[in-house]
Structures are given as structure tokens and as C-alpha cells.
Amino acid sequence: MTDRLLSLLGLCRRAGRLTLGFDPVMDSINLKKAKLVIVASDCSPHTARDTLIACHKMGVKSHTVAYTKEEISLAVGKYTAVLSITDEGFSQKADTLIKGGITHGYDD
């Protein structure tokens, strides 16, 4: 069985629709390119707070997910604790998967 959210993040990376790392993510939020921001469960409290505050101020959806930096990094190919999806379609699918708690399995 595959992990749908992590697979989607890998696909976003290959499509060039993913921003990785604190500074690039903050830039994507401030430039209104970020559609959804994802924060790893083991992200430092300072980084998580600053990222989530910026998202709130700019009206960008954000989620802290149950995945660790290591798990996310294996999916996207780069060690990171925060990332942003810059494509509306990908962000809607990720948001649905996160909100619905449906991260394992296959599409029906």
C-alpha cells in the first residue's frame, strides 16, 4: 500500500510545484505563490511558529502533519521541515487528503 500524501508531495516536486526550506517557503508565502504550506511534526517550535504566523497573516492554508522531517525528505528528495505547494490543483488534493485523514490506500 502506498502513502498518498507523500506520493503527492513527490509528484509535486517532480512537477516543479514544491518549494522546500524555511526561507524559500517564506518567500513563496510573501509573494503569494504558496497555495498550501506543510510543516513536519518534528519541526523546531520557532520555525513552525514563524511559518504558521506568516501563513495566517497572508491567508495561506497551512497544516502541521504527522510526518517527520525524515519521512517528508524521503518523499521529496531533500531534507526539509517546511514546504509549500504552489499549484492550486495539487494543493487542493493535499488539503483534502490531510483534512480527511486519508493518506494510505488507492484512489477509488
N, C-alpha and C. Protein backbone atom coordinates (compact mmCIF):
# COMPACT_ATOMS: atom_id res chain seq x y z
N MET A 1 0.83 -1.17 0.00
CA MET A 1 0.00 0.00 0.00
C MET A 1 0.89 1.25 0.00
N THR A 2 0.47 2.27 -0.68
CA THR A 2 1.27 3.48 -0.78
C THR A 2 0.71 4.57 0.14
N ASP A 3 1.54 5.53 0.44
CA ASP A 3 1.11 6.68 1.22
C ASP A 3 0.77 7.79 0.23
N ARG A 4 -0.49 8.11 0.13
CA ARG A 4 -0.96 9.02 -0.92
C ARG A 4 -0.43 10.44 -0.77
N LEU A 5 -0.37 10.95 0.45
CA LEU A 5 0.11 12.32 0.64
C LEU A 5 1.59 12.44 0.28
N LEU A 6 2.39 11.50 0.78
CA LEU A 6 3.82 11.56 0.47
C LEU A 6 4.07 11.34 -1.02
N SER A 7 3.28 10.48 -1.64
CA SER A 7 3.39 10.28 -3.09
C SER A 7 3.04 11.56 -3.84
N LEU A 8 2.01 12.24 -3.37
CA LEU A 8 1.60 13.51 -3.99
C LEU A 8 2.69 14.56 -3.85
N LEU A 9 3.34 14.61 -2.69
CA LEU A 9 4.43 15.57 -2.49
C LEU A 9 5.60 15.27 -3.43
N GLY A 10 5.91 13.99 -3.63
CA GLY A 10 6.95 13.62 -4.58
C GLY A 10 6.59 14.04 -5.99
N LEU A 11 5.33 13.86 -6.36
CA LEU A 11 4.87 14.27 -7.69
C LEU A 11 4.95 15.79 -7.85
N CYS A 12 4.56 16.52 -6.80
CA CYS A 12 4.68 18.00 -6.83
C CYS A 12 6.12 18.41 -7.05
N ARG A 13 7.04 17.74 -6.39
CA ARG A 13 8.46 18.07 -6.53
C ARG A 13 8.93 17.85 -7.96
N ARG A 14 8.56 16.70 -8.52
CA ARG A 14 8.97 16.40 -9.90
C ARG A 14 8.33 17.36 -10.90
N ALA A 15 7.15 17.88 -10.57
CA ALA A 15 6.46 18.82 -11.45
C ALA A 15 6.95 20.26 -11.25
N GLY A 16 7.83 20.47 -10.28
CA GLY A 16 8.34 21.81 -10.03
C GLY A 16 7.36 22.72 -9.32
N ARG A 17 6.43 22.12 -8.58
CA ARG A 17 5.39 22.89 -7.89
C ARG A 17 5.53 22.85 -6.38
N LEU A 18 6.76 22.60 -5.90
CA LEU A 18 7.00 22.48 -4.48
C LEU A 18 8.17 23.38 -4.10
N THR A 19 8.01 24.14 -3.03
CA THR A 19 9.08 24.98 -2.50
C THR A 19 9.53 24.36 -1.19
N LEU A 20 10.84 24.19 -1.03
CA LEU A 20 11.38 23.48 0.12
C LEU A 20 12.30 24.37 0.96
N GLY A 21 12.18 24.29 2.28
CA GLY A 21 13.05 25.02 3.17
C GLY A 21 12.40 26.30 3.68
N PHE A 22 12.83 26.73 4.86
CA PHE A 22 12.20 27.86 5.52
C PHE A 22 12.24 29.15 4.71
N ASP A 23 13.40 29.59 4.29
CA ASP A 23 13.50 30.87 3.56
C ASP A 23 12.74 30.85 2.24
N PRO A 24 12.91 29.82 1.39
CA PRO A 24 12.13 29.79 0.15
C PRO A 24 10.62 29.72 0.39
N VAL A 25 10.21 28.99 1.43
CA VAL A 25 8.78 28.91 1.74
C VAL A 25 8.26 30.27 2.20
N MET A 26 9.02 30.97 3.04
CA MET A 26 8.60 32.30 3.47
C MET A 26 8.49 33.25 2.28
N ASP A 27 9.43 33.14 1.34
CA ASP A 27 9.35 33.96 0.12
C ASP A 27 8.09 33.63 -0.67
N SER A 28 7.78 32.34 -0.80
CA SER A 28 6.59 31.95 -1.58
C SER A 28 5.31 32.43 -0.89
N ILE A 29 5.31 32.46 0.43
CA ILE A 29 4.15 32.98 1.16
C ILE A 29 4.02 34.49 0.92
N ASN A 30 5.12 35.22 1.10
CA ASN A 30 5.08 36.68 0.95
C ASN A 30 4.80 37.12 -0.47
N LEU A 31 5.21 36.33 -1.47
CA LEU A 31 4.94 36.65 -2.87
C LEU A 31 3.60 36.11 -3.34
N LYS A 32 2.85 35.51 -2.41
CA LYS A 32 1.51 34.95 -2.68
C LYS A 32 1.55 33.85 -3.73
N LYS A 33 2.65 33.11 -3.77
CA LYS A 33 2.75 31.95 -4.67
C LYS A 33 2.32 30.67 -3.96
N ALA A 34 2.48 30.62 -2.64
CA ALA A 34 2.13 29.42 -1.87
C ALA A 34 0.62 29.26 -1.81
N LYS A 35 0.15 28.06 -2.11
CA LYS A 35 -1.28 27.75 -2.01
C LYS A 35 -1.55 26.94 -0.74
N LEU A 36 -0.56 26.15 -0.31
CA LEU A 36 -0.68 25.33 0.90
C LEU A 36 0.71 25.13 1.48
N VAL A 37 0.84 25.31 2.78
CA VAL A 37 2.11 25.12 3.47
C VAL A 37 1.98 23.93 4.40
N ILE A 38 2.99 23.06 4.38
CA ILE A 38 3.01 21.87 5.21
C ILE A 38 4.23 21.94 6.13
N VAL A 39 3.99 21.67 7.41
CA VAL A 39 5.04 21.70 8.43
C VAL A 39 5.16 20.30 9.03
N ALA A 40 6.37 19.79 9.14
CA ALA A 40 6.62 18.47 9.71
C ALA A 40 6.33 18.47 11.21
N SER A 41 5.99 17.30 11.72
CA SER A 41 5.64 17.19 13.14
C SER A 41 6.82 17.49 14.06
N ASP A 42 8.04 17.23 13.59
CA ASP A 42 9.21 17.46 14.43
C ASP A 42 9.99 18.71 14.03
N CYS A 43 9.31 19.64 13.39
CA CYS A 43 9.90 20.93 13.04
C CYS A 43 10.18 21.69 14.33
N SER A 44 11.22 22.50 14.32
CA SER A 44 11.53 23.27 15.53
C SER A 44 10.36 24.21 15.84
N PRO A 45 10.07 24.42 17.12
CA PRO A 45 8.95 25.29 17.50
C PRO A 45 9.06 26.70 16.92
N HIS A 46 10.27 27.24 16.89
CA HIS A 46 10.47 28.59 16.36
C HIS A 46 10.13 28.65 14.87
N THR A 47 10.63 27.69 14.11
CA THR A 47 10.37 27.65 12.66
C THR A 47 8.89 27.44 12.40
N ALA A 48 8.29 26.51 13.11
CA ALA A 48 6.86 26.23 12.92
C ALA A 48 6.03 27.47 13.24
N ARG A 49 6.33 28.12 14.36
CA ARG A 49 5.57 29.32 14.75
C ARG A 49 5.69 30.42 13.71
N ASP A 50 6.90 30.72 13.28
CA ASP A 50 7.10 31.78 12.29
C ASP A 50 6.40 31.47 10.97
N THR A 51 6.47 30.21 10.56
CA THR A 51 5.83 29.81 9.30
C THR A 51 4.32 29.93 9.40
N LEU A 52 3.75 29.41 10.48
CA LEU A 52 2.30 29.43 10.63
C LEU A 52 1.76 30.85 10.82
N ILE A 53 2.51 31.71 11.48
CA ILE A 53 2.10 33.11 11.63
C ILE A 53 2.08 33.80 10.27
N ALA A 54 3.12 33.57 9.47
CA ALA A 54 3.17 34.18 8.13
C ALA A 54 2.00 33.68 7.27
N CYS A 55 1.68 32.40 7.38
CA CYS A 55 0.55 31.86 6.63
C CYS A 55 -0.75 32.54 7.05
N HIS A 56 -0.93 32.69 8.35
CA HIS A 56 -2.14 33.31 8.86
C HIS A 56 -2.26 34.76 8.37
N LYS A 57 -1.17 35.50 8.44
CA LYS A 57 -1.17 36.91 8.01
C LYS A 57 -1.48 37.06 6.52
N MET A 58 -0.98 36.11 5.71
CA MET A 58 -1.14 36.21 4.26
C MET A 58 -2.34 35.41 3.74
N GLY A 59 -3.05 34.74 4.62
CA GLY A 59 -4.24 34.00 4.22
C GLY A 59 -3.94 32.72 3.45
N VAL A 60 -2.82 32.08 3.78
CA VAL A 60 -2.41 30.84 3.11
C VAL A 60 -2.79 29.66 4.01
N LYS A 61 -3.40 28.64 3.42
CA LYS A 61 -3.72 27.43 4.19
C LYS A 61 -2.44 26.78 4.66
N SER A 62 -2.48 26.21 5.87
CA SER A 62 -1.30 25.53 6.40
C SER A 62 -1.74 24.36 7.27
N HIS A 63 -0.88 23.35 7.31
CA HIS A 63 -1.13 22.17 8.14
C HIS A 63 0.17 21.70 8.75
N THR A 64 0.11 21.31 10.01
CA THR A 64 1.20 20.55 10.62
C THR A 64 0.78 19.10 10.51
N VAL A 65 1.58 18.31 9.84
CA VAL A 65 1.22 16.92 9.57
C VAL A 65 1.93 15.96 10.53
N ALA A 66 1.48 14.74 10.56
CA ALA A 66 2.03 13.73 11.47
C ALA A 66 3.35 13.15 10.98
N TYR A 67 3.82 13.59 9.83
CA TYR A 67 5.06 13.06 9.27
C TYR A 67 6.27 13.81 9.83
N THR A 68 7.36 13.09 10.00
CA THR A 68 8.61 13.69 10.46
C THR A 68 9.36 14.29 9.27
N LYS A 69 10.39 15.06 9.58
CA LYS A 69 11.26 15.62 8.53
C LYS A 69 11.84 14.50 7.69
N GLU A 70 12.23 13.43 8.34
CA GLU A 70 12.84 12.30 7.64
C GLU A 70 11.87 11.68 6.63
N GLU A 71 10.62 11.47 7.03
CA GLU A 71 9.62 10.87 6.14
C GLU A 71 9.33 11.78 4.96
N ILE A 72 9.17 13.06 5.23
CA ILE A 72 8.91 14.02 4.14
C ILE A 72 10.11 14.08 3.21
N SER A 73 11.29 14.11 3.79
CA SER A 73 12.52 14.22 3.00
C SER A 73 12.70 13.03 2.06
N LEU A 74 12.35 11.84 2.52
CA LEU A 74 12.44 10.66 1.65
C LEU A 74 11.50 10.79 0.47
N ALA A 75 10.35 11.41 0.67
CA ALA A 75 9.36 11.56 -0.40
C ALA A 75 9.77 12.62 -1.43
N VAL A 76 10.40 13.70 -0.96
CA VAL A 76 10.70 14.82 -1.86
C VAL A 76 12.15 14.90 -2.30
N GLY A 77 13.02 14.12 -1.67
CA GLY A 77 14.41 14.08 -2.09
C GLY A 77 15.30 15.16 -1.52
N LYS A 78 14.82 15.89 -0.51
CA LYS A 78 15.64 16.91 0.13
C LYS A 78 15.20 17.03 1.58
N TYR A 79 16.18 17.15 2.49
CA TYR A 79 15.88 17.24 3.91
C TYR A 79 15.24 18.59 4.21
N THR A 80 14.00 18.56 4.68
CA THR A 80 13.28 19.80 4.96
C THR A 80 12.18 19.57 5.99
N ALA A 81 11.84 20.61 6.72
CA ALA A 81 10.77 20.53 7.71
C ALA A 81 9.55 21.32 7.29
N VAL A 82 9.73 22.26 6.36
CA VAL A 82 8.60 23.05 5.85
C VAL A 82 8.65 23.06 4.33
N LEU A 83 7.46 23.03 3.74
CA LEU A 83 7.37 23.09 2.28
C LEU A 83 6.07 23.75 1.89
N SER A 84 6.05 24.28 0.69
CA SER A 84 4.82 24.88 0.19
C SER A 84 4.52 24.34 -1.20
N ILE A 85 3.25 24.13 -1.44
CA ILE A 85 2.77 23.71 -2.76
C ILE A 85 2.31 24.97 -3.47
N THR A 86 2.79 25.16 -4.70
CA THR A 86 2.50 26.40 -5.43
C THR A 86 1.48 26.19 -6.55
N ASP A 87 0.89 25.03 -6.63
CA ASP A 87 -0.11 24.73 -7.65
C ASP A 87 -1.47 24.53 -6.98
N GLU A 88 -2.50 25.16 -7.51
CA GLU A 88 -3.83 25.09 -6.90
C GLU A 88 -4.39 23.67 -6.88
N GLY A 89 -4.26 22.95 -7.97
CA GLY A 89 -4.78 21.58 -8.03
C GLY A 89 -4.10 20.65 -7.05
N PHE A 90 -2.78 20.69 -7.03
CA PHE A 90 -2.03 19.86 -6.08
C PHE A 90 -2.37 20.24 -4.64
N SER A 91 -2.50 21.54 -4.38
CA SER A 91 -2.77 21.97 -3.01
C SER A 91 -4.16 21.54 -2.56
N GLN A 92 -5.14 21.58 -3.45
CA GLN A 92 -6.48 21.13 -3.09
C GLN A 92 -6.50 19.64 -2.78
N LYS A 93 -5.80 18.85 -3.57
CA LYS A 93 -5.74 17.41 -3.33
C LYS A 93 -5.04 17.11 -2.01
N ALA A 94 -3.92 17.78 -1.74
CA ALA A 94 -3.20 17.58 -0.49
C ALA A 94 -4.06 18.00 0.70
N ASP A 95 -4.75 19.12 0.58
CA ASP A 95 -5.61 19.61 1.65
C ASP A 95 -6.72 18.60 1.93
N THR A 96 -7.31 18.05 0.90
CA THR A 96 -8.35 17.03 1.05
C THR A 96 -7.81 15.79 1.76
N LEU A 97 -6.63 15.34 1.35
CA LEU A 97 -6.04 14.16 1.97
C LEU A 97 -5.73 14.40 3.44
N ILE A 98 -5.21 15.58 3.76
CA ILE A 98 -4.85 15.89 5.14
C ILE A 98 -6.10 16.04 6.01
N LYS A 99 -7.06 16.81 5.54
CA LYS A 99 -8.28 17.04 6.32
C LYS A 99 -9.10 15.77 6.50
N GLY A 100 -9.11 14.94 5.47
CA GLY A 100 -9.88 13.72 5.55
C GLY A 100 -9.15 12.60 6.27
N GLY A 101 -7.88 12.81 6.57
CA GLY A 101 -7.10 11.77 7.22
C GLY A 101 -6.87 10.58 6.33
N ILE A 102 -7.06 10.75 5.02
CA ILE A 102 -6.91 9.65 4.08
C ILE A 102 -5.54 9.80 3.42
N THR A 103 -4.56 9.15 3.99
CA THR A 103 -3.22 9.24 3.41
C THR A 103 -2.72 7.89 2.93
N HIS A 104 -3.41 6.82 3.30
CA HIS A 104 -2.99 5.50 2.86
C HIS A 104 -4.03 4.94 1.91
N GLY A 105 -3.59 4.14 0.94
CA GLY A 105 -4.52 3.47 0.06
C GLY A 105 -4.45 3.97 -1.36
N TYR A 106 -5.47 3.68 -2.09
CA TYR A 106 -5.52 4.00 -3.50
C TYR A 106 -6.76 4.81 -3.80
N ASP A 107 -6.71 5.61 -4.87
CA ASP A 107 -7.90 6.35 -5.30
C ASP A 107 -8.96 5.37 -5.76
N ASP A 108 -10.22 5.68 -5.46
CA ASP A 108 -11.32 4.83 -5.92
C ASP A 108 -11.74 5.20 -7.31
